N, C-alpha and C. Protein backbone atom coordinates (compact mmCIF):
# COMPACT_ATOMS: atom_id res chain seq x y z
N MET A 1 0.77 -0.81 -0.29
CA MET A 1 0.03 0.42 0.07
C MET A 1 0.73 0.94 0.10
N THR A 2 0.79 1.99 -0.95
CA THR A 2 1.51 2.99 -0.85
C THR A 2 0.84 4.48 -0.37
N SER A 3 1.78 5.71 0.24
CA SER A 3 1.15 6.76 1.50
C SER A 3 -0.09 7.02 0.88
N LEU A 4 -0.39 7.22 -0.42
CA LEU A 4 -1.28 7.87 -1.32
C LEU A 4 -2.62 6.90 -0.11
N GLN A 5 -2.57 5.37 -1.04
CA GLN A 5 -3.80 4.39 -0.61
C GLN A 5 -3.59 4.56 0.53
N LEU A 6 -2.80 4.35 1.59
CA LEU A 6 -2.72 4.59 2.99
C LEU A 6 -3.54 5.57 3.54
N ALA A 7 -3.19 7.17 2.71
CA ALA A 7 -4.07 8.62 3.52
C ALA A 7 -5.06 8.11 2.84
N GLN A 8 -6.05 7.88 1.57
CA GLN A 8 -7.39 7.18 1.47
C GLN A 8 -8.57 5.99 1.90
N ALA A 9 -7.32 5.20 2.05
CA ALA A 9 -7.79 4.03 3.60
C ALA A 9 -8.09 5.07 4.79
N VAL A 10 -7.64 5.79 5.12
CA VAL A 10 -7.84 6.30 6.59
C VAL A 10 -8.61 7.38 6.44
N ILE A 11 -8.98 8.21 5.24
CA ILE A 11 -9.66 9.18 5.23
C ILE A 11 -11.09 8.68 4.84
N TRP A 12 -11.04 7.20 4.42
CA TRP A 12 -12.53 6.70 4.34
C TRP A 12 -13.29 6.30 5.31
N ILE A 13 -11.99 5.73 6.36
CA ILE A 13 -12.58 5.24 7.33
C ILE A 13 -13.44 6.76 8.25
N ALA A 14 -12.21 7.21 8.36
CA ALA A 14 -12.56 8.38 9.40
C ALA A 14 -13.85 9.28 9.19
N LEU A 15 -14.48 8.96 7.98
CA LEU A 15 -15.26 10.39 7.25
C LEU A 15 -16.50 9.52 7.59
N PHE A 16 -16.72 7.91 6.80
CA PHE A 16 -17.61 6.91 7.32
C PHE A 16 -18.04 6.90 8.86
N ILE A 17 -17.25 6.51 9.89
CA ILE A 17 -17.36 6.47 11.29
C ILE A 17 -17.57 8.00 11.89
N LEU A 18 -17.21 9.15 11.21
CA LEU A 18 -17.42 10.66 12.32
C LEU A 18 -18.23 11.44 11.12
N VAL A 19 -18.82 11.31 10.04
CA VAL A 19 -19.46 12.23 9.44
C VAL A 19 -20.67 11.03 8.87
N ALA A 20 -20.62 10.09 8.03
CA ALA A 20 -21.63 9.45 7.16
C ALA A 20 -22.33 8.62 7.47
N GLY A 21 -21.68 7.91 8.52
CA GLY A 21 -22.75 7.24 9.45
C GLY A 21 -23.48 7.61 10.07
N PRO A 22 -22.82 8.58 11.17
CA PRO A 22 -24.17 9.21 11.83
C PRO A 22 -24.80 10.24 11.34
N VAL A 23 -24.58 11.19 10.49
CA VAL A 23 -25.49 12.40 9.49
C VAL A 23 -26.59 10.64 8.88
N HIS A 24 -25.98 9.70 8.37
CA HIS A 24 -27.16 8.91 8.17
C HIS A 24 -28.00 7.97 8.95
N GLU A 25 -27.85 7.74 10.00
CA GLU A 25 -28.62 7.21 11.22
C GLU A 25 -29.32 8.08 11.78
N SER A 26 -29.02 9.40 12.01
CA SER A 26 -29.55 10.34 12.71
C SER A 26 -30.47 11.15 11.90
N ALA A 27 -30.26 11.12 10.31
CA ALA A 27 -31.26 11.59 9.67
C ALA A 27 -32.23 10.20 9.48
N HIS A 28 -32.28 9.30 9.65
CA HIS A 28 -33.25 8.06 10.55
C HIS A 28 -34.51 8.43 11.51
N ALA A 29 -33.57 8.86 12.31
CA ALA A 29 -34.12 8.93 13.33
C ALA A 29 -34.95 10.13 13.64
N LEU A 30 -34.34 11.72 12.88
CA LEU A 30 -34.86 12.48 13.11
C LEU A 30 -36.16 12.38 12.19
N ALA A 31 -36.04 11.31 10.85
CA ALA A 31 -37.52 11.50 10.08
C ALA A 31 -38.52 10.20 10.92
N ALA A 32 -38.16 9.48 11.97
CA ALA A 32 -38.71 8.60 12.55
C ALA A 32 -39.61 9.51 13.17
N TRP A 33 -39.03 10.57 14.56
CA TRP A 33 -39.73 11.28 15.33
C TRP A 33 -40.46 11.86 14.83
N ARG A 34 -40.73 13.02 13.82
CA ARG A 34 -41.22 13.83 12.93
C ARG A 34 -42.20 13.29 12.42
N LEU A 35 -42.52 11.68 12.28
CA LEU A 35 -43.19 11.23 11.80
C LEU A 35 -44.24 10.38 12.65
N GLY A 36 -43.94 10.56 13.90
CA GLY A 36 -44.45 9.98 15.09
C GLY A 36 -44.42 9.00 16.09
N ASP A 37 -43.09 8.38 15.52
CA ASP A 37 -42.17 7.30 16.10
C ASP A 37 -40.90 7.87 17.29
N GLY A 38 -41.08 8.07 18.49
CA GLY A 38 -39.61 8.72 18.96
C GLY A 38 -38.95 7.59 19.97
N THR A 39 -38.68 6.46 19.32
CA THR A 39 -38.17 5.35 19.60
C THR A 39 -36.39 5.98 19.80
N ALA A 40 -36.34 5.91 18.45
CA ALA A 40 -34.61 6.52 18.17
C ALA A 40 -34.44 7.49 18.89
N LYS A 41 -35.27 8.23 19.46
CA LYS A 41 -34.91 10.03 19.99
C LYS A 41 -34.73 9.53 21.34
N MET A 42 -35.82 8.67 21.78
CA MET A 42 -35.74 7.60 23.31
C MET A 42 -34.23 7.44 23.59
N TYR A 43 -33.56 7.01 23.02
CA TYR A 43 -32.26 6.58 22.69
C TYR A 43 -31.30 7.45 22.43
N GLY A 44 -31.68 8.61 22.01
CA GLY A 44 -30.68 9.40 22.07
C GLY A 44 -29.91 9.59 20.61
N ARG A 45 -30.94 9.01 19.85
CA ARG A 45 -29.92 8.90 18.67
C ARG A 45 -30.44 10.22 17.68
N ILE A 46 -30.98 10.88 17.68
CA ILE A 46 -31.01 12.30 16.99
C ILE A 46 -29.71 12.98 17.37
N SER A 47 -28.48 12.21 16.42
CA SER A 47 -27.63 13.20 17.40
C SER A 47 -26.18 13.12 16.17
N LEU A 48 -25.47 14.09 16.24
CA LEU A 48 -24.75 13.34 15.39
C LEU A 48 -23.20 13.25 15.80
N ASP A 49 -23.50 12.75 17.14
CA ASP A 49 -21.74 12.44 17.62
C ASP A 49 -21.82 10.93 17.59
N PRO A 50 -20.41 10.63 16.85
CA PRO A 50 -20.18 9.48 16.80
C PRO A 50 -20.05 8.29 17.17
N ILE A 51 -20.16 8.25 18.68
CA ILE A 51 -20.44 7.64 19.78
C ILE A 51 -21.67 6.93 19.23
N ARG A 52 -22.58 7.31 19.65
CA ARG A 52 -24.48 6.88 19.55
C ARG A 52 -24.05 6.09 18.49
N HIS A 53 -23.58 6.32 17.55
CA HIS A 53 -24.09 5.39 16.14
C HIS A 53 -23.22 4.49 15.69
N PHE A 54 -21.67 4.67 16.73
CA PHE A 54 -21.12 3.40 16.33
C PHE A 54 -21.24 1.76 16.39
N ASP A 55 -21.28 0.97 15.92
CA ASP A 55 -21.67 -0.29 15.83
C ASP A 55 -19.96 -0.89 15.85
N PRO A 56 -19.12 -1.63 17.58
CA PRO A 56 -18.51 -2.30 16.88
C PRO A 56 -17.99 -3.63 15.88
N VAL A 57 -18.49 -4.13 16.02
CA VAL A 57 -18.55 -5.13 14.68
C VAL A 57 -18.78 -4.61 13.55
N GLY A 58 -19.71 -3.66 13.15
CA GLY A 58 -19.63 -2.65 12.10
C GLY A 58 -18.70 -1.93 11.61
N GLY A 59 -17.63 -1.39 12.45
CA GLY A 59 -17.31 -0.90 12.64
C GLY A 59 -15.79 -1.19 12.04
N SER A 60 -15.35 -2.41 13.12
CA SER A 60 -14.31 -2.99 13.41
C SER A 60 -14.36 -3.60 11.59
N LEU A 61 -15.27 -3.95 11.19
CA LEU A 61 -15.53 -5.04 9.84
C LEU A 61 -14.55 -3.71 8.51
N LEU A 62 -15.29 -3.00 9.22
CA LEU A 62 -15.13 -1.46 7.68
C LEU A 62 -13.40 -1.26 8.31
N ILE A 63 -13.00 -1.27 9.34
CA ILE A 63 -11.23 -0.82 9.38
C ILE A 63 -10.38 -1.96 8.71
N PHE A 64 -10.81 -3.24 9.18
CA PHE A 64 -9.73 -4.35 8.29
C PHE A 64 -10.27 -4.11 6.95
N SER A 65 -11.77 -4.29 6.17
CA SER A 65 -11.85 -5.00 4.77
C SER A 65 -11.06 -3.26 4.03
N VAL A 66 -11.28 -2.43 4.75
CA VAL A 66 -10.36 -1.49 3.68
C VAL A 66 -9.49 -1.28 4.10
N ILE A 67 -8.52 -1.85 4.72
CA ILE A 67 -6.95 -1.74 5.38
C ILE A 67 -6.48 -2.68 4.11
N PHE A 68 -7.54 -4.07 4.92
CA PHE A 68 -6.91 -5.22 4.01
C PHE A 68 -6.96 -5.90 2.61
N THR A 69 -8.18 -5.48 2.25
CA THR A 69 -8.54 -5.38 0.69
C THR A 69 -8.86 -4.54 -0.57
N GLY A 70 -8.80 -2.94 0.51
CA GLY A 70 -9.06 -2.25 -0.13
C GLY A 70 -10.66 -1.99 -0.32
N PHE A 71 -11.60 -2.71 0.09
CA PHE A 71 -13.11 -2.39 -0.47
C PHE A 71 -13.53 -2.47 0.56
N GLY A 72 -14.22 -1.07 1.08
CA GLY A 72 -15.07 -1.18 2.40
C GLY A 72 -15.72 -1.50 2.79
N PHE A 73 -16.63 -2.15 3.40
CA PHE A 73 -17.95 -2.74 3.99
C PHE A 73 -18.07 -2.84 5.23
N GLY A 74 -18.74 -2.19 5.96
CA GLY A 74 -19.27 -1.98 7.27
C GLY A 74 -20.47 -1.18 7.76
N TRP A 75 -20.98 -1.01 9.11
CA TRP A 75 -22.03 -0.63 8.76
C TRP A 75 -21.84 0.03 9.92
N ALA A 76 -22.90 1.59 10.50
CA ALA A 76 -23.24 2.63 11.64
C ALA A 76 -24.46 1.02 12.45
N LYS A 77 -24.42 1.71 13.53
CA LYS A 77 -25.41 1.06 14.70
C LYS A 77 -26.69 1.28 13.70
N PRO A 78 -27.53 0.10 13.52
CA PRO A 78 -28.85 0.72 12.75
C PRO A 78 -30.04 1.63 13.75
N THR A 79 -30.31 2.20 13.73
CA THR A 79 -31.30 3.30 14.36
C THR A 79 -32.90 1.95 14.53
N PRO A 80 -33.12 2.24 15.73
CA PRO A 80 -34.64 1.87 15.97
C PRO A 80 -35.44 2.44 15.78
N VAL A 81 -36.74 1.97 14.78
CA VAL A 81 -37.58 2.15 14.73
C VAL A 81 -38.83 1.68 14.70
N ASN A 82 -39.77 1.76 15.20
CA ASN A 82 -41.05 1.03 15.26
C ASN A 82 -42.17 1.32 14.42
N PRO A 83 -42.79 1.07 13.12
CA PRO A 83 -43.14 1.57 12.32
C PRO A 83 -45.43 1.15 12.50
N HIS A 84 -44.94 0.89 13.66
CA HIS A 84 -46.72 0.79 14.04
C HIS A 84 -46.95 2.35 14.72
N PHE A 85 -45.80 3.37 15.28
CA PHE A 85 -46.07 4.75 15.53
C PHE A 85 -45.77 5.62 14.71
N LEU A 86 -45.09 4.88 13.22
CA LEU A 86 -45.41 6.22 12.41
C LEU A 86 -46.54 6.53 11.60
N ARG A 87 -47.07 7.81 11.08
CA ARG A 87 -48.26 8.32 11.02
C ARG A 87 -48.23 8.55 9.44
N GLY A 88 -48.51 7.95 8.68
CA GLY A 88 -49.08 8.46 6.84
C GLY A 88 -48.72 7.01 6.34
N ARG A 89 -49.44 7.16 5.04
CA ARG A 89 -49.30 6.11 4.56
C ARG A 89 -47.70 5.39 3.88
N TYR A 90 -46.65 6.48 3.62
CA TYR A 90 -45.74 5.87 3.16
C TYR A 90 -44.35 6.48 3.79
N ALA A 91 -45.10 6.54 5.43
CA ALA A 91 -43.87 7.17 6.48
C ALA A 91 -42.62 5.69 6.51
N ASN A 92 -42.69 4.88 6.49
CA ASN A 92 -41.56 3.87 6.70
C ASN A 92 -40.89 4.24 5.62
N SER A 93 -41.35 4.44 4.17
CA SER A 93 -40.80 4.79 3.31
C SER A 93 -39.50 6.28 3.31
N ILE A 94 -40.12 6.95 4.15
CA ILE A 94 -39.78 8.33 4.03
C ILE A 94 -38.55 8.10 5.30
N VAL A 95 -38.99 7.42 6.53
CA VAL A 95 -37.86 7.47 6.66
C VAL A 95 -36.68 6.49 6.63
N ALA A 96 -36.56 5.57 6.00
CA ALA A 96 -35.92 4.81 5.31
C ALA A 96 -34.98 5.49 4.38
N ALA A 97 -35.60 6.49 3.21
CA ALA A 97 -35.17 7.15 2.32
C ALA A 97 -34.32 8.14 3.20
N ALA A 98 -34.38 8.77 4.24
CA ALA A 98 -33.79 9.90 5.20
C ALA A 98 -32.23 9.56 4.59
N GLY A 99 -32.30 8.24 5.05
CA GLY A 99 -30.61 8.07 5.57
C GLY A 99 -30.08 8.32 4.15
N PRO A 100 -30.05 7.55 3.15
CA PRO A 100 -29.27 8.06 1.56
C PRO A 100 -29.79 9.26 1.33
N VAL A 101 -30.92 9.69 1.50
CA VAL A 101 -30.74 11.23 1.21
C VAL A 101 -30.12 12.07 1.52
N SER A 102 -30.11 12.02 3.14
CA SER A 102 -28.38 12.44 3.86
C SER A 102 -27.35 12.53 3.36
N ASN A 103 -27.12 11.16 2.83
CA ASN A 103 -25.70 10.69 1.77
C ASN A 103 -25.53 11.69 0.77
N LEU A 104 -26.73 11.67 0.01
CA LEU A 104 -26.82 12.44 -1.07
C LEU A 104 -26.07 14.17 -1.03
N LEU A 105 -27.01 14.44 0.33
CA LEU A 105 -26.63 15.96 0.43
C LEU A 105 -25.42 16.14 1.27
N LEU A 106 -24.92 15.70 1.51
CA LEU A 106 -23.54 15.30 2.00
C LEU A 106 -22.13 15.07 0.52
N ALA A 107 -22.55 14.60 -0.24
CA ALA A 107 -21.84 14.52 -1.52
C ALA A 107 -21.69 15.36 -1.95
N ALA A 108 -22.89 16.31 -1.95
CA ALA A 108 -23.21 17.54 -2.68
C ALA A 108 -22.15 19.01 -2.27
N GLY A 109 -22.08 18.35 -0.54
CA GLY A 109 -21.50 19.55 0.17
C GLY A 109 -20.11 19.12 -0.32
N PHE A 110 -19.30 18.25 -0.21
CA PHE A 110 -18.03 17.75 -0.48
C PHE A 110 -17.70 18.17 -2.03
N ALA A 111 -18.87 17.95 -2.52
CA ALA A 111 -18.43 18.30 -4.02
C ALA A 111 -18.13 19.88 -4.21
N ILE A 112 -18.67 20.60 -3.42
CA ILE A 112 -19.12 22.05 -3.52
C ILE A 112 -17.38 22.73 -3.26
N GLY A 113 -17.02 21.96 -2.04
CA GLY A 113 -15.42 22.12 -1.30
C GLY A 113 -14.22 21.87 -2.61
N TYR A 114 -15.25 20.25 -3.23
CA TYR A 114 -13.68 19.64 -4.50
C TYR A 114 -13.84 20.61 -5.40
N ARG A 115 -15.08 21.83 -5.85
CA ARG A 115 -14.94 22.27 -6.63
C ARG A 115 -13.65 23.63 -6.75
N ILE A 116 -14.18 24.01 -5.60
CA ILE A 116 -13.83 25.48 -5.33
C ILE A 116 -11.90 25.23 -5.54
N LEU A 117 -11.28 23.88 -4.57
CA LEU A 117 -10.16 23.84 -5.07
C LEU A 117 -9.93 23.72 -6.23
N ASP A 118 -10.80 22.94 -7.12
CA ASP A 118 -10.41 22.44 -8.17
C ASP A 118 -9.91 23.56 -8.99
N ALA A 119 -10.93 24.67 -8.62
CA ALA A 119 -10.89 25.43 -10.03
C ALA A 119 -9.48 26.23 -9.65
N GLN A 120 -8.93 26.26 -8.68
CA GLN A 120 -7.83 26.91 -7.92
C GLN A 120 -6.49 25.79 -8.47
N GLY A 121 -6.49 24.71 -9.08
CA GLY A 121 -5.46 24.01 -9.75
C GLY A 121 -5.06 23.27 -8.45
N VAL A 122 -5.90 22.75 -7.83
CA VAL A 122 -5.53 22.00 -6.47
C VAL A 122 -5.92 20.64 -6.99
N PRO A 123 -4.59 19.60 -6.57
CA PRO A 123 -5.06 17.73 -6.67
C PRO A 123 -5.61 17.51 -5.91
N ALA A 124 -6.12 16.12 -6.07
CA ALA A 124 -6.05 15.48 -4.53
C ALA A 124 -5.35 14.38 -4.23
N ASN A 125 -4.22 14.94 -3.65
CA ASN A 125 -2.97 13.82 -2.83
C ASN A 125 -2.64 14.38 -1.87
N ASN A 126 -1.63 13.50 -1.54
CA ASN A 126 -1.01 13.79 -0.02
C ASN A 126 -0.07 14.40 0.37
N GLU A 127 0.68 15.41 -0.62
CA GLU A 127 1.49 16.10 -0.83
C GLU A 127 1.85 17.69 0.04
N SER A 128 0.50 18.06 0.09
CA SER A 128 0.52 19.06 1.31
C SER A 128 -1.01 19.15 2.09
N ALA A 129 -0.89 19.72 2.87
CA ALA A 129 -2.16 19.88 3.47
C ALA A 129 -3.39 20.34 3.15
N ILE A 130 -3.01 21.08 2.15
CA ILE A 130 -4.42 21.91 1.10
C ILE A 130 -4.66 20.57 0.06
N ASN A 131 -4.24 19.83 0.00
CA ASN A 131 -3.86 18.47 -1.41
C ASN A 131 -5.17 17.75 -0.50
N MET A 132 -4.10 17.32 0.87
CA MET A 132 -4.97 16.21 1.41
C MET A 132 -6.55 16.89 2.01
N LEU A 133 -6.86 18.12 1.74
CA LEU A 133 -8.14 18.84 2.07
C LEU A 133 -8.91 18.75 1.06
N GLN A 134 -7.91 18.54 -0.40
CA GLN A 134 -8.98 18.25 -1.65
C GLN A 134 -9.56 16.79 -1.72
N LEU A 135 -8.23 15.54 -1.20
CA LEU A 135 -8.74 14.42 -1.14
C LEU A 135 -9.95 14.09 -0.30
N VAL A 136 -9.68 14.96 1.16
CA VAL A 136 -11.07 14.34 1.60
C VAL A 136 -12.17 14.71 1.03
N PHE A 137 -12.18 15.95 0.36
CA PHE A 137 -13.66 16.42 -0.54
C PHE A 137 -13.81 15.36 -1.28
N ARG A 138 -12.79 14.94 -2.13
CA ARG A 138 -13.23 13.66 -2.93
C ARG A 138 -13.79 12.80 -2.33
N THR A 139 -12.93 12.26 -2.14
CA THR A 139 -13.31 10.59 -0.99
C THR A 139 -14.85 10.74 0.06
N GLY A 140 -15.21 12.13 0.16
CA GLY A 140 -16.13 12.33 1.12
C GLY A 140 -17.50 12.25 -0.12
N VAL A 141 -17.12 12.84 -1.60
CA VAL A 141 -18.12 12.59 -2.43
C VAL A 141 -18.83 11.33 -2.65
N VAL A 142 -17.48 10.45 -3.33
CA VAL A 142 -17.31 8.70 -3.51
C VAL A 142 -18.32 8.03 -2.37
N LEU A 143 -17.67 8.45 -1.32
CA LEU A 143 -18.13 7.59 0.03
C LEU A 143 -19.82 7.85 0.12
N ASN A 144 -19.67 9.30 -0.26
CA ASN A 144 -21.67 9.22 0.33
C ASN A 144 -22.46 9.04 -1.34
N VAL A 145 -21.71 9.22 -2.15
CA VAL A 145 -22.28 8.63 -3.70
C VAL A 145 -22.37 6.78 -3.10
N VAL A 146 -21.30 6.27 -2.81
CA VAL A 146 -21.22 4.48 -2.91
C VAL A 146 -23.05 4.43 -1.89
N LEU A 147 -22.77 5.14 -0.24
CA LEU A 147 -23.58 4.84 0.68
C LEU A 147 -24.55 5.00 0.30
N MET A 148 -25.35 6.16 -0.55
CA MET A 148 -26.94 6.47 -0.94
C MET A 148 -27.12 5.26 -2.29
N VAL A 149 -26.39 5.05 -2.88
CA VAL A 149 -26.25 3.84 -3.61
C VAL A 149 -26.99 2.50 -2.84
N PHE A 150 -26.12 2.45 -2.72
CA PHE A 150 -25.75 1.07 -1.78
C PHE A 150 -27.28 0.72 -1.01
N ASN A 151 -27.33 1.60 -0.10
CA ASN A 151 -28.65 1.33 0.98
C ASN A 151 -29.42 1.41 0.08
N LEU A 152 -29.78 1.87 -0.95
CA LEU A 152 -31.22 1.70 -1.64
C LEU A 152 -31.25 0.65 -2.62
N ILE A 153 -30.75 -0.50 -2.43
CA ILE A 153 -30.83 -1.82 -3.41
C ILE A 153 -31.93 -2.27 -2.51
N PRO A 154 -33.08 -2.91 -3.11
CA PRO A 154 -34.07 -3.34 -2.03
C PRO A 154 -34.04 -4.74 -1.66
N VAL A 155 -32.98 -4.80 -0.82
CA VAL A 155 -32.82 -6.11 0.05
C VAL A 155 -32.44 -5.76 1.40
N VAL A 156 -33.10 -6.97 1.91
CA VAL A 156 -32.57 -6.46 3.29
C VAL A 156 -31.76 -6.98 4.05
N PRO A 157 -30.98 -6.33 4.55
CA PRO A 157 -31.84 -5.19 5.45
C PRO A 157 -31.77 -3.28 5.34
N LEU A 158 -31.35 -3.42 4.14
CA LEU A 158 -31.04 -2.38 3.51
C LEU A 158 -32.18 -1.13 3.25
N ASP A 159 -31.67 0.03 3.38
CA ASP A 159 -33.17 0.84 3.04
C ASP A 159 -34.10 1.09 2.41
N GLY A 160 -33.37 0.06 1.18
CA GLY A 160 -34.26 0.07 -0.09
C GLY A 160 -35.17 -0.88 -0.08
N SER A 161 -35.00 -1.93 0.98
CA SER A 161 -36.40 -2.74 1.06
C SER A 161 -37.70 -2.53 2.00
N HIS A 162 -37.48 -1.10 2.35
CA HIS A 162 -38.29 -0.74 3.26
C HIS A 162 -39.12 0.28 1.89
N VAL A 163 -38.56 0.69 1.27
CA VAL A 163 -39.13 1.97 -0.23
C VAL A 163 -39.96 0.65 -0.46
N LEU A 164 -39.47 0.13 -0.88
CA LEU A 164 -39.72 -0.99 -2.16
C LEU A 164 -41.48 -1.67 -1.30
N LEU A 165 -40.95 -1.96 -0.18
CA LEU A 165 -42.80 -3.18 0.13
C LEU A 165 -43.34 -1.46 0.53
N ASP A 166 -43.36 -0.56 0.79
CA ASP A 166 -44.23 0.67 1.51
C ASP A 166 -44.62 0.95 -0.28
N MET A 167 -44.34 0.64 -1.33
CA MET A 167 -44.74 0.81 -2.74
C MET A 167 -45.49 0.04 -3.18
N LEU A 168 -45.63 -1.16 -2.99
CA LEU A 168 -46.35 -2.27 -3.30
C LEU A 168 -47.49 -2.61 -2.81
N ASP A 169 -48.47 -3.26 -3.49
CA ASP A 169 -49.55 -3.49 -2.46
C ASP A 169 -49.30 -4.79 -1.31
N TYR A 170 -50.67 -4.27 -0.69
CA TYR A 170 -50.57 -5.81 0.83
C TYR A 170 -50.22 -7.14 -0.11
N ARG A 171 -50.85 -7.52 -0.96
CA ARG A 171 -50.38 -9.15 -1.19
C ARG A 171 -48.91 -8.82 -1.68
N THR A 172 -48.84 -8.06 -2.48
CA THR A 172 -47.45 -8.59 -2.90
C THR A 172 -46.62 -8.01 -2.53
N ALA A 173 -46.33 -7.23 -1.40
CA ALA A 173 -45.50 -6.89 -0.49
C ALA A 173 -45.28 -7.73 0.73
N ARG A 174 -46.55 -8.04 0.84
CA ARG A 174 -46.53 -9.78 1.68
C ARG A 174 -45.49 -11.09 1.41
N GLN A 175 -45.74 -11.20 -0.17
CA GLN A 175 -45.29 -12.20 -0.60
C GLN A 175 -43.66 -11.53 -0.65
N VAL A 176 -43.11 -10.64 -0.95
CA VAL A 176 -41.80 -9.71 -1.11
C VAL A 176 -41.81 -10.18 0.55
N SER A 177 -42.34 -10.02 1.63
CA SER A 177 -41.42 -10.18 2.66
C SER A 177 -40.97 -11.61 3.05
N GLU A 178 -41.93 -12.51 2.59
CA GLU A 178 -41.21 -13.88 3.06
C GLU A 178 -40.76 -14.48 1.93
N PHE A 179 -40.42 -13.83 0.98
CA PHE A 179 -39.57 -14.22 -0.05
C PHE A 179 -37.75 -13.77 0.83
N MET A 180 -37.90 -12.97 1.18
CA MET A 180 -37.19 -11.89 1.85
C MET A 180 -36.54 -12.59 3.08
N ALA A 181 -37.82 -12.91 3.53
CA ALA A 181 -37.57 -13.82 5.47
C ALA A 181 -36.40 -15.30 5.01
N GLN A 182 -37.07 -15.98 3.92
CA GLN A 182 -36.72 -17.12 3.51
C GLN A 182 -35.01 -16.98 2.90
N TYR A 183 -34.86 -16.02 1.64
CA TYR A 183 -33.99 -15.94 0.91
C TYR A 183 -32.65 -15.03 1.24
N GLY A 184 -33.50 -14.04 1.99
CA GLY A 184 -32.91 -12.26 1.99
C GLY A 184 -31.12 -12.52 2.09
N LEU A 185 -30.66 -13.80 3.38
CA LEU A 185 -29.41 -13.01 3.45
C LEU A 185 -28.91 -13.67 2.19
N LEU A 186 -29.07 -14.67 1.82
CA LEU A 186 -27.96 -15.52 0.29
C LEU A 186 -28.60 -13.95 -0.89
N VAL A 187 -29.53 -14.00 -0.91
CA VAL A 187 -29.91 -12.36 -2.14
C VAL A 187 -28.34 -11.35 -1.82
N LEU A 188 -28.74 -11.07 -0.19
CA LEU A 188 -27.91 -9.69 0.54
C LEU A 188 -26.50 -10.38 -0.03
N VAL A 189 -25.55 -11.58 0.27
CA VAL A 189 -24.45 -11.87 0.26
C VAL A 189 -23.94 -11.82 -1.70
N ALA A 190 -25.20 -12.32 -2.38
CA ALA A 190 -24.81 -11.68 -3.66
C ALA A 190 -24.68 -10.62 -4.44
N VAL A 191 -25.75 -9.65 -3.88
CA VAL A 191 -25.34 -8.24 -3.91
C VAL A 191 -24.16 -8.00 -3.31
N ILE A 192 -23.80 -8.25 -2.40
CA ILE A 192 -22.29 -7.35 -1.47
C ILE A 192 -21.02 -8.05 -2.56
N LEU A 193 -21.11 -9.52 -2.90
CA LEU A 193 -20.21 -9.43 -3.76
C LEU A 193 -20.08 -9.24 -5.44
N PHE A 194 -21.43 -8.53 -5.56
CA PHE A 194 -21.46 -8.43 -7.12
C PHE A 194 -21.73 -6.50 -6.85
N ALA A 195 -21.70 -5.76 -5.64
CA ALA A 195 -22.09 -4.73 -5.43
C ALA A 195 -21.68 -3.89 -6.46
N TRP A 196 -20.52 -3.86 -6.76
CA TRP A 196 -19.43 -2.96 -7.73
C TRP A 196 -19.99 -2.89 -8.94
N ARG A 197 -20.58 -4.12 -9.32
CA ARG A 197 -20.97 -4.29 -10.67
C ARG A 197 -22.65 -4.06 -10.89
N ILE A 198 -23.05 -4.01 -9.89
CA ILE A 198 -24.73 -3.80 -9.60
C ILE A 198 -24.37 -1.82 -9.62
N MET A 199 -23.47 -1.42 -9.05
CA MET A 199 -24.04 0.09 -8.72
C MET A 199 -22.82 0.82 -9.74
N ALA A 200 -22.42 0.49 -10.04
CA ALA A 200 -20.91 1.49 -11.05
C ALA A 200 -21.85 2.08 -11.95
N PRO A 201 -22.49 1.45 -12.51
CA PRO A 201 -23.60 1.75 -13.79
C PRO A 201 -23.99 3.28 -12.95
N ILE A 202 -24.56 3.43 -12.26
CA ILE A 202 -25.45 4.80 -11.10
C ILE A 202 -24.01 5.41 -10.86
N VAL A 203 -23.00 5.08 -9.98
CA VAL A 203 -22.22 5.50 -9.21
C VAL A 203 -21.03 6.46 -9.68
N VAL A 204 -20.58 5.80 -10.89
CA VAL A 204 -19.79 6.28 -11.31
C VAL A 204 -19.86 7.68 -11.97
N PRO A 205 -20.93 7.87 -13.24
CA PRO A 205 -21.93 9.17 -13.70
C PRO A 205 -22.05 10.43 -12.33
N LEU A 206 -22.39 9.61 -11.22
CA LEU A 206 -23.09 10.37 -10.52
C LEU A 206 -22.05 10.98 -9.82
N ILE A 207 -21.22 10.73 -9.52
CA ILE A 207 -19.72 10.62 -8.87
C ILE A 207 -19.03 12.27 -10.20
N ASN A 208 -18.60 11.73 -11.02
CA ASN A 208 -18.42 12.48 -11.93
C ASN A 208 -18.60 13.36 -12.67
N LEU A 209 -20.21 13.51 -12.18
CA LEU A 209 -21.02 14.47 -12.52
C LEU A 209 -21.01 15.76 -11.06
N LEU A 210 -20.83 15.30 -9.75
CA LEU A 210 -20.76 15.86 -8.65
C LEU A 210 -19.80 16.58 -8.91
N LEU A 211 -18.52 15.84 -9.57
CA LEU A 211 -16.76 16.54 -9.12
C LEU A 211 -16.54 17.23 -10.66
N GLY A 212 -17.76 17.32 -11.45
CA GLY A 212 -17.66 18.11 -12.37
C GLY A 212 -16.58 17.62 -13.79
N ALA A 213 -16.36 16.58 -13.66
CA ALA A 213 -14.91 15.66 -14.09
C ALA A 213 -15.21 14.32 -14.71
N GLN A 214 -14.50 13.75 -15.19
CA GLN A 214 -14.45 12.97 -15.91
C GLN A 214 -13.28 11.98 -15.35
N ILE A 215 -13.45 11.86 -14.07
CA ILE A 215 -12.41 11.44 -13.10
C ILE A 215 -12.47 9.46 -13.11
N TYR A 216 -13.84 8.83 -13.19
CA TYR A 216 -13.53 7.64 -12.90
C TYR A 216 -14.43 7.10 -14.08
N TYR A 217 -14.29 5.50 -14.60
CA TYR A 217 -14.91 5.33 -15.42
C TYR A 217 -15.70 4.30 -15.08
N VAL A 218 -16.69 3.33 -15.55
CA VAL A 218 -17.01 1.99 -15.39
C VAL A 218 -16.32 1.09 -15.61
């Protein structure tokens, strides 16, 4: 691993644990609270404190996977939501979508910083403090776009599964739920193994759009 690759790995891990994960989970918590379920609020999850959202297993897996494989896989502590308390026909899908939407907003914020420095000719590397900042901005865009798209895949326990079930009629939703209950784990493993092939056609163009340049290729 080169010094640049090490810097990218550290930034990826830090941004996930300190920023992307907490924002994603607190967005779920805030949406649930505003729609009638105070469970997450009761547990103090409407907070950007990374400690409240850190999952020991998911966080450790992320660290080891990034360092040893270059491919980051992990998770923050899941936000507790009781759908029986939620108000509104599509409340469950709104709560589920709140996390990915928050990642999109974060990606846009990092993209603004990246474009400002890029206009001044600052490259993203680890050769100076300003270059490192640009590397943080670029990594922030990539990380949050990946998190958004991955979480919207309609497979349990990802957020996309809640959105999908909320959009279906009762009978179809029940059939899909039964299928996921029986085969969901196998489907999830398959999704993880082929995640990049599944996401790349969406992730790469969106990242390039936000960064304002053709930096990554499918």
